Protein backbone atom coordinates (compact mmCIF):
# COMPACT_ATOMS: atom_id res chain seq x y z
CA MET A 1 154.57 5.58 135.75
CA GLY A 2 158.03 6.70 136.72
CA SER A 3 160.01 9.90 136.56
CA ILE A 4 160.21 11.06 132.97
CA ALA A 5 162.96 13.17 131.47
CA THR A 6 161.95 16.43 129.85
CA THR A 7 161.79 16.45 126.06
CA SER A 8 162.96 19.57 124.26
CA GLU A 9 160.42 21.47 122.18
CA GLU A 10 162.32 21.27 118.95
CA LYS A 11 162.40 17.46 119.01
CA LEU A 12 158.62 17.14 119.00
CA PRO A 13 156.53 17.18 115.81
CA GLY A 14 154.37 20.02 114.67
CA ASN A 15 156.82 22.62 113.37
CA GLY A 16 155.79 22.25 109.74
CA LYS A 17 153.32 24.70 108.24
CA PHE A 18 153.06 26.73 111.47
CA SER A 19 155.98 28.55 113.02
CA SER A 20 156.01 29.06 116.77
CA SER A 21 154.86 32.65 116.24
CA ASP A 22 151.93 32.15 113.86
CA ALA A 23 150.41 28.92 115.20
CA PRO A 24 146.84 29.40 116.45
CA ARG A 25 146.86 29.74 120.21
CA GLY A 26 144.40 29.83 123.04
CA SER A 27 140.74 29.47 122.24
CA SER A 28 141.44 29.72 118.48
CA SER A 29 143.54 26.53 118.57
CA LYS A 30 142.23 23.20 117.27
CA ILE A 31 142.83 22.00 120.83
CA PHE A 32 139.50 23.61 121.69
CA THR A 33 137.45 21.87 119.00
CA PRO A 34 135.38 18.70 119.49
CA LEU A 35 136.83 15.21 119.01
CA THR A 36 134.74 12.07 118.69
CA ILE A 37 136.05 8.85 120.22
CA GLY A 38 134.43 5.51 121.01
CA ASN A 39 133.34 5.02 117.39
CA GLY A 40 131.03 8.02 117.58
CA THR A 41 129.65 7.32 121.06
CA LEU A 42 131.59 10.00 122.94
CA GLN A 43 132.28 13.59 121.93
CA LEU A 44 135.06 15.44 123.71
CA TYR A 45 134.76 19.23 123.91
CA HIS A 46 138.53 19.74 123.85
CA ARG A 47 141.63 17.70 123.01
CA ILE A 48 143.72 17.83 126.19
CA ILE A 49 143.43 14.54 128.09
CA LEU A 50 144.61 13.86 131.62
CA ALA A 51 147.37 11.29 131.22
CA PRO A 52 147.46 8.30 133.59
CA LEU A 53 149.56 9.15 136.65
CA THR A 54 150.33 6.73 139.44
CA ARG A 55 150.47 8.74 142.68
CA ASN A 56 150.02 6.05 145.37
CA ARG A 57 147.29 7.85 147.32
CA GLY A 58 145.00 4.88 148.02
CA SER A 59 143.84 3.92 151.52
CA PRO A 60 144.81 0.52 152.95
CA LEU A 61 142.00 -2.01 153.20
CA ASN A 62 143.74 -3.23 156.35
CA PRO A 63 144.81 -0.12 158.29
CA ASN A 64 146.39 -2.32 160.98
CA SER A 65 149.09 -3.58 158.65
CA THR A 66 152.10 -5.26 160.25
CA PRO A 67 155.34 -6.62 158.77
CA SER A 68 154.08 -10.16 159.32
CA ASP A 69 150.62 -9.36 157.94
CA PRO A 70 151.09 -6.42 155.55
CA ASN A 71 148.23 -4.67 153.82
CA ARG A 72 148.24 -5.58 150.13
CA ILE A 73 144.97 -4.06 148.93
CA TRP A 74 144.42 -0.33 148.45
CA ILE A 75 141.12 1.47 148.03
CA PRO A 76 140.15 4.64 146.11
CA ASN A 77 139.23 7.29 148.67
CA ALA A 78 137.78 10.80 148.99
CA LEU A 79 141.17 12.38 148.24
CA ILE A 80 141.51 10.46 144.98
CA LYS A 81 137.98 11.54 144.06
CA GLU A 82 138.90 15.15 144.79
CA TYR A 83 142.02 14.88 142.60
CA TYR A 84 140.08 13.70 139.56
CA LEU A 85 137.21 16.09 140.20
CA GLN A 86 139.60 19.06 140.32
CA ARG A 87 140.75 18.18 136.79
CA THR A 88 137.33 17.42 135.35
CA THR A 89 135.93 19.76 132.70
CA PRO A 90 132.69 19.43 130.74
CA GLY A 91 133.42 17.13 127.82
CA GLY A 92 136.98 16.46 128.98
CA LEU A 93 138.53 12.99 129.17
CA LEU A 94 140.46 11.72 132.19
CA ILE A 95 142.48 8.51 132.04
CA SER A 96 142.84 6.93 135.45
CA GLU A 97 146.09 6.00 137.09
CA GLY A 98 147.17 2.46 136.26
CA ILE A 99 144.68 0.12 137.97
CA PRO A 100 145.88 -3.43 138.69
CA PRO A 101 143.41 -6.12 137.60
CA ASN A 102 144.77 -8.52 140.23
CA LEU A 103 147.00 -8.57 143.28
CA GLU A 104 150.04 -10.12 141.63
CA GLY A 105 150.07 -7.37 138.97
CA ASN A 106 150.13 -4.50 141.48
CA GLY A 107 153.55 -2.97 141.07
CA MET A 108 153.51 -0.45 143.94
CA PRO A 109 151.96 0.13 147.37
CA GLY A 110 149.18 2.70 147.61
CA VAL A 111 147.77 1.89 144.17
CA PRO A 112 144.04 1.07 144.19
CA GLY A 113 143.16 -1.94 142.06
CA LEU A 114 139.92 -3.28 140.64
CA PHE A 115 139.64 -6.80 142.01
CA HIS A 116 138.00 -6.29 145.44
CA PRO A 117 134.41 -5.13 146.16
CA ALA A 118 135.67 -2.15 148.18
CA GLN A 119 137.80 -1.05 145.23
CA ILE A 120 134.87 -1.32 142.85
CA ALA A 121 132.73 0.78 145.20
CA GLY A 122 135.50 3.36 145.54
CA TRP A 123 136.02 3.74 141.81
CA LYS A 124 132.27 3.95 141.25
CA ASP A 125 132.18 6.93 143.62
CA VAL A 126 135.01 8.61 141.68
CA VAL A 127 133.42 8.04 138.26
CA GLU A 128 130.00 9.24 139.37
CA ALA A 129 131.51 12.50 140.61
CA VAL A 130 133.34 13.02 137.30
CA HIS A 131 130.15 12.37 135.36
CA GLU A 132 128.15 14.77 137.53
CA LYS A 133 130.59 17.51 136.55
CA GLY A 134 130.21 16.65 132.86
CA GLY A 135 133.47 14.79 132.31
CA TYR A 136 134.38 11.37 130.95
CA MET A 137 136.74 8.79 132.43
CA TYR A 138 138.57 5.72 131.16
CA ALA A 139 140.11 3.11 133.45
CA GLN A 140 143.68 2.23 132.56
CA LEU A 141 144.32 -1.43 133.38
CA TRP A 142 147.93 -2.02 134.43
CA ASN A 143 149.70 -5.29 135.20
CA ALA A 144 153.30 -4.67 136.22
CA GLY A 145 154.45 -8.24 135.66
CA ARG A 146 158.12 -8.62 136.56
CA ALA A 147 158.25 -5.02 137.86
CA CYS A 148 156.82 -6.36 141.14
CA ILE A 149 158.40 -8.01 144.14
CA PRO A 150 156.80 -10.87 146.11
CA GLN A 151 157.05 -9.01 149.44
CA HIS A 152 154.43 -6.54 148.21
CA THR A 153 152.16 -8.82 146.19
CA GLY A 154 152.38 -11.90 148.40
CA SER A 155 152.81 -14.07 145.31
CA PRO A 156 155.60 -15.08 142.93
CA THR A 157 156.60 -12.50 140.34
CA ILE A 158 155.43 -13.29 136.80
CA SER A 159 156.52 -12.37 133.30
CA ALA A 160 156.64 -13.55 129.70
CA SER A 161 159.87 -15.40 130.53
CA ALA A 162 161.97 -16.03 133.62
CA THR A 163 164.19 -13.10 132.64
CA ALA A 164 165.59 -11.25 135.63
CA PHE A 165 166.39 -7.55 135.71
CA GLU A 166 170.03 -6.77 135.12
CA GLY A 167 172.30 -4.70 137.33
CA GLU A 168 171.36 -2.53 140.27
CA ASP A 169 167.86 -1.34 139.32
CA ARG A 170 165.88 -1.25 142.55
CA TYR A 171 162.23 -1.57 143.46
CA SER A 172 160.67 1.80 144.28
CA HIS A 173 159.63 1.11 147.90
CA PRO A 174 161.23 -0.82 150.77
CA PRO A 175 159.50 -4.15 151.45
CA PRO A 176 157.05 -4.14 154.37
CA GLY A 177 158.81 -3.91 157.71
CA THR A 178 162.11 -2.75 156.23
CA SER A 179 163.72 0.60 155.47
CA LYS A 180 165.90 -0.23 152.47
CA THR A 181 164.94 -0.90 148.88
CA VAL A 182 165.89 -4.18 147.20
CA ARG A 183 167.22 -5.10 143.77
CA TYR A 184 164.79 -6.44 141.21
CA ALA A 185 167.51 -8.87 140.15
CA ASP A 186 167.24 -10.66 143.49
CA PHE A 187 163.62 -11.64 142.77
CA PRO A 188 163.51 -13.01 139.20
CA PRO A 189 160.09 -13.78 137.71
CA LYS A 190 158.67 -17.12 136.75
CA GLU A 191 157.56 -17.69 133.17
CA LEU A 192 153.81 -17.79 132.68
CA ASP A 193 152.67 -21.09 131.25
CA GLU A 194 149.65 -21.16 128.98
CA GLU A 195 147.29 -21.72 131.90
CA GLY A 196 148.87 -18.75 133.67
CA ILE A 197 148.42 -16.62 130.56
CA ARG A 198 144.74 -17.53 130.46
CA ARG A 199 144.40 -16.59 134.14
CA GLN A 200 145.98 -13.18 133.57
CA ILE A 201 143.68 -12.47 130.63
CA ALA A 202 140.67 -13.59 132.67
CA ASP A 203 141.65 -11.15 135.42
CA TYR A 204 141.85 -8.31 132.89
CA VAL A 205 138.42 -9.31 131.59
CA ARG A 206 136.88 -9.32 135.09
CA ALA A 207 138.39 -5.92 135.85
CA ALA A 208 137.22 -4.43 132.55
CA LYS A 209 133.71 -5.75 133.09
CA ALA A 210 133.64 -4.30 136.59
CA ALA A 211 135.03 -0.99 135.34
CA VAL A 212 132.34 -0.50 132.73
CA GLU A 213 129.31 -2.28 134.19
CA GLU A 214 129.74 -1.62 137.91
CA CYS A 215 131.90 1.50 138.23
CA GLY A 216 130.51 3.26 135.17
CA PHE A 217 133.82 4.08 133.47
CA ASP A 218 133.25 5.23 129.89
CA GLY A 219 135.86 2.79 128.65
CA VAL A 220 139.08 0.93 129.35
CA GLU A 221 142.64 1.63 128.23
CA VAL A 222 145.10 -1.27 128.31
CA HIS A 223 148.54 -0.20 129.49
CA GLY A 224 150.58 -1.93 126.82
CA GLY A 225 153.84 -0.04 127.35
CA ASN A 226 156.50 1.06 129.83
CA GLY A 227 157.96 -2.42 130.23
CA TYR A 228 154.92 -3.85 132.03
CA LEU A 229 153.42 -7.28 131.36
CA PRO A 230 152.09 -6.77 127.80
CA GLU A 231 155.35 -5.12 126.75
CA GLN A 232 157.32 -7.86 128.48
CA PHE A 233 155.81 -10.17 125.88
CA LEU A 234 156.61 -7.69 123.08
CA SER A 235 160.24 -7.10 124.09
CA SER A 236 162.75 -9.55 122.62
CA ASN A 237 165.25 -9.10 125.45
CA ILE A 238 162.63 -10.11 128.05
CA ASN A 239 160.53 -12.60 126.08
CA VAL A 240 162.88 -15.44 125.15
CA ARG A 241 160.15 -18.05 124.74
CA THR A 242 160.28 -20.55 121.89
CA ASP A 243 156.60 -21.53 121.93
CA ALA A 244 153.60 -19.83 120.31
CA TYR A 245 154.18 -16.68 122.41
CA GLY A 246 157.77 -15.91 121.43
CA GLY A 247 160.60 -16.26 118.96
CA SER A 248 159.40 -13.83 116.27
CA PRO A 249 157.73 -10.41 116.12
CA GLU A 250 154.41 -12.01 115.24
CA LYS A 251 154.53 -14.55 118.09
CA ARG A 252 155.59 -11.93 120.62
CA CYS A 253 152.36 -10.06 119.79
CA LYS A 254 150.15 -13.08 120.51
CA PHE A 255 149.53 -12.29 124.20
CA VAL A 256 148.50 -8.68 123.54
CA LEU A 257 146.21 -9.65 120.68
CA GLU A 258 144.56 -12.43 122.69
CA LEU A 259 144.07 -9.98 125.54
CA MET A 260 142.48 -7.42 123.24
CA ASP A 261 140.28 -10.11 121.65
CA ALA A 262 138.97 -11.07 125.08
CA LEU A 263 138.34 -7.46 126.10
CA VAL A 264 136.55 -6.62 122.86
CA ALA A 265 134.30 -9.64 123.42
CA THR A 266 133.55 -8.40 126.94
CA ILE A 267 133.09 -4.62 126.75
CA GLY A 268 133.05 -3.91 122.99
CA GLN A 269 135.65 -2.30 120.74
CA GLU A 270 134.05 1.12 121.09
CA LYS A 271 134.97 1.13 124.81
CA LEU A 272 138.52 -0.16 124.39
CA ALA A 273 141.81 1.68 123.85
CA ILE A 274 145.50 0.85 124.25
CA ARG A 275 148.64 2.74 125.23
CA LEU A 276 151.90 1.75 123.52
CA THR A 277 155.55 2.80 123.83
CA PRO A 278 157.26 1.33 120.75
CA PHE A 279 160.55 3.09 121.50
CA GLY A 280 160.42 3.07 125.29
CA MET A 281 163.12 1.56 127.49
CA PHE A 282 161.55 1.78 130.94
CA ASN A 283 161.85 -1.31 133.14
CA GLN A 284 164.69 -2.53 130.91
CA ALA A 285 162.48 -3.11 127.87
CA ARG A 286 165.42 -2.97 125.47
CA GLY A 287 164.45 -5.41 122.76
CA THR A 288 165.23 -5.24 119.06
CA GLN A 289 162.97 -5.51 116.00
CA ARG A 290 160.99 -2.49 117.14
CA LEU A 291 159.37 -1.64 113.82
CA GLU A 292 158.75 -5.28 112.94
CA THR A 293 157.09 -6.06 116.29
CA TRP A 294 155.05 -2.92 116.92
CA GLY A 295 154.32 -2.50 113.22
CA TYR A 296 152.79 -5.97 113.06
CA LEU A 297 150.91 -5.42 116.32
CA CYS A 298 149.41 -2.13 115.17
CA LYS A 299 148.41 -3.48 111.76
CA GLU A 300 146.63 -6.35 113.50
CA LEU A 301 144.94 -4.02 115.98
CA LYS A 302 143.67 -1.88 113.14
CA ARG A 303 142.59 -4.88 111.05
CA ARG A 304 140.73 -6.57 113.89
CA TYR A 305 139.06 -3.72 115.75
CA ALA A 306 137.71 -0.19 115.54
CA LEU A 307 139.22 0.94 118.85
CA SER A 308 137.98 3.99 120.73
CA TYR A 309 141.44 5.59 120.38
CA VAL A 310 145.12 4.69 120.52
CA HIS A 311 147.62 6.35 122.85
CA PHE A 312 151.35 6.56 122.05
CA VAL A 313 154.35 8.00 123.87
CA GLU A 314 156.78 10.09 121.83
CA PRO A 315 159.97 8.22 120.79
CA ARG A 316 162.35 10.72 122.43
CA TYR A 317 160.43 10.94 125.66
CA GLU A 318 161.94 8.59 128.19
CA GLN A 319 161.36 7.58 131.79
CA VAL A 320 164.96 6.62 132.48
CA PHE A 321 167.37 8.55 130.29
CA SER A 322 167.91 12.17 129.31
CA LEU A 323 167.02 13.37 125.83
CA GLU A 324 170.66 13.14 124.78
CA GLU A 325 171.02 9.58 126.06
CA LYS A 326 167.76 8.50 124.44
CA ASN A 327 168.83 9.98 121.10
CA LYS A 328 172.01 7.89 121.25
CA TYR A 329 169.92 4.75 121.66
CA LEU A 330 167.64 5.73 118.78
CA GLU A 331 170.67 6.35 116.58
CA SER A 332 172.20 3.02 117.55
CA TRP A 333 168.94 1.31 116.51
CA GLY A 334 169.04 3.10 113.14
CA PHE A 335 166.23 5.54 114.02
CA PRO A 336 167.94 8.95 114.25
CA ASP A 337 164.87 10.82 113.00
CA ILE A 338 162.08 8.48 114.08
CA ASP A 339 158.63 9.80 114.93
CA LEU A 340 155.16 8.29 115.30
CA LYS A 341 154.07 8.90 111.69
CA LEU A 342 154.34 5.20 110.81
CA PHE A 343 151.82 4.33 113.50
CA ARG A 344 149.61 7.31 112.74
CA ASP A 345 149.45 6.10 109.14
CA ILE A 346 148.61 2.54 110.20
CA PHE A 347 145.70 3.63 112.38
CA GLY A 348 144.33 6.13 109.89
CA SER A 349 141.03 7.52 111.17
CA THR A 350 141.33 5.94 114.65
CA PRO A 351 141.74 8.86 117.09
CA PHE A 352 145.46 9.14 117.84
CA VAL A 353 146.65 10.53 121.18
CA SER A 354 150.26 11.59 121.78
CA ALA A 355 151.91 11.86 125.20
CA GLY A 356 155.38 12.91 126.25
CA GLY A 357 156.75 16.39 126.80
CA TRP A 358 153.78 18.45 125.67
CA ASN A 359 153.35 21.76 127.43
CA ASP A 360 151.97 25.30 127.03
CA LYS A 361 154.86 26.23 124.72
CA ASN A 362 155.07 23.42 122.16
CA CYS A 363 151.48 22.20 121.72
CA TRP A 364 150.35 25.00 119.39
CA GLY A 365 149.90 24.26 115.68
CA VAL A 366 150.46 20.50 115.97
CA LEU A 367 146.84 19.39 115.78
CA GLU A 368 146.21 21.83 112.92
CA GLU A 369 148.73 19.83 110.87
CA ASP A 370 146.75 16.63 111.61
CA THR A 371 149.89 15.18 113.17
CA TYR A 372 147.75 13.91 116.06
CA ASP A 373 144.18 14.23 117.28
CA ALA A 374 144.79 14.97 120.96
CA PHE A 375 147.46 15.34 123.64
CA ALA A 376 147.70 13.45 126.93
CA ILE A 377 149.42 15.62 129.53
CA GLY A 378 150.39 14.37 132.97
CA ARG A 379 152.70 16.24 135.32
CA LEU A 380 151.61 19.73 134.27
CA PHE A 381 147.95 18.68 134.56
CA LEU A 382 148.77 17.37 138.03
CA SER A 383 150.27 20.70 139.06
CA THR A 384 147.66 22.82 137.27
CA PRO A 385 144.13 21.57 137.99
CA ASP A 386 142.64 24.36 135.85
CA MET A 387 145.08 23.77 132.98
CA ILE A 388 142.37 23.75 130.32
CA GLU A 389 141.23 27.27 131.20
CA ARG A 390 144.81 28.49 131.48
CA LEU A 391 145.71 27.17 128.02
CA LYS A 392 142.59 28.75 126.61
CA ASN A 393 143.45 32.12 128.13
CA GLY A 394 147.23 32.13 127.73
CA LEU A 395 147.99 31.92 131.44
CA PRO A 396 151.17 30.30 132.82
CA LEU A 397 151.02 26.84 134.37
CA ASN A 398 152.08 25.84 137.89
CA GLU A 399 155.37 24.08 138.52
CA TYR A 400 155.07 20.51 139.78
CA ASN A 401 156.56 19.17 143.00
CA ARG A 402 158.55 16.12 141.87
CA PRO A 403 159.45 14.76 145.35
CA ARG A 404 155.72 14.41 146.03
CA PHE A 405 154.92 12.30 142.97
CA TYR A 406 154.92 8.85 144.55
CA GLY A 407 153.41 8.07 147.96
CA PRO A 408 152.24 6.72 150.23
CA PHE A 409 152.67 9.82 152.42
CA PRO A 410 151.31 10.71 155.88
CA ASP A 411 150.06 13.98 154.34
CA PRO A 412 148.86 12.70 150.95
CA GLU A 413 147.15 15.93 149.85
CA VAL A 414 150.49 17.77 149.54
CA GLY A 415 151.63 17.80 145.92
CA TYR A 416 148.37 16.16 144.89
CA THR A 417 145.23 18.17 145.61
CA ASP A 418 146.76 21.36 147.04
CA TYR A 419 147.93 22.92 143.76
CA PRO A 420 146.15 26.28 143.34
CA THR A 421 143.98 27.36 140.44
CA TRP A 422 144.73 30.68 138.75
CA GLU A 423 141.82 32.28 140.57
CA GLU A 424 143.13 31.05 143.92
CA LYS A 425 146.62 32.35 143.14
CA GLN A 426 145.28 35.78 142.24
CA LYS A 427 143.13 35.92 145.35
CA LYS A 428 146.10 35.04 147.53
CA ALA A 429 148.27 37.63 145.81
CA LYS A 430 145.67 40.33 146.53
CA GLN A 431 145.49 39.30 150.18
CA ILE A 432 149.28 39.57 150.47
CA LYS A 433 149.21 43.09 148.97
CA VAL A 434 146.54 44.21 151.40
């Protein structure tokens, strides 16, 4: 979610025993070796995963939306199916865009959720197509919490605490019937009471059950980062509670652990994963006690469950700030040289996926060092539907079209499903020459 600043190659791990010149590349790379996830139930044929990318291409359930009666529910459609199918490879894993488990957690228009029968039917169609082509697919469940506005959800904004955004940060889309965006600060959230917490967890559980049992997803990934609802509980600057859900690193982890307990009981630990951003600052998640909070959380996750995999974003990869600005924050927190090794060590044999800045230049030699087990790549996989074959054969990747990242658009295929494969580019080039 969000526009992410580019991370420089030298700041990413993997420059140890392999130099940039002698690292195995192409088909000889460990990238193209099998990886088992799901506690042995799923074998991937390669280790490049489609990262979750919100692109707001859903169809409105109510196409006759008006300012007084706006559409609030979005459905997966044939274009979304085409997008995922274009990026499906035999034995490859796709992680869906963030899927809201309820209406009040839907942070943006155009995002198809998983709480209405039409949405369940739409996602089932997508997953079946991916499976027919030999791929696997996980549903990422995403509750935006206070990164919503009531004009779009039709309900009060919720969060761990009634902590408003600071400053001039603005919601991504104008409210229905208007042409100007609004400040988050003007629509502060209400604090979830314990009954509200139970309702949110129940909605996650219903969505996860529908994802696996009705849609056929191979598993579920909880979006636990990027300043959304789970991380709003984890972040000390947002969660200022003094009850059992706040006030210390351990208490701030209570919501996430209760959520994971409920999901494990529903779909099984072998079908459950989580994405975390321990050093992220998106959506003003700027809390302290980073190592204490996320360290405790990860130790508990490892102690309690054998998760399918865990998915982390690189510390220097940021959705708001440049690399230089992010490094200043890391230095001010006392983490000038921080990496994800601490968390890799905690999770041990649990498959460990890294996202953030990986490309066709800096990915070589990293997996051979056992730094990580797989990479999740987003924007370059968006722009290069045949990226797996191009990496295998040393072919350059397409550039992405940033202004077309976030819809809705009247021409939604542009910058979404119209990126050419290498074969299509070569064919076009020959036609031009003729």
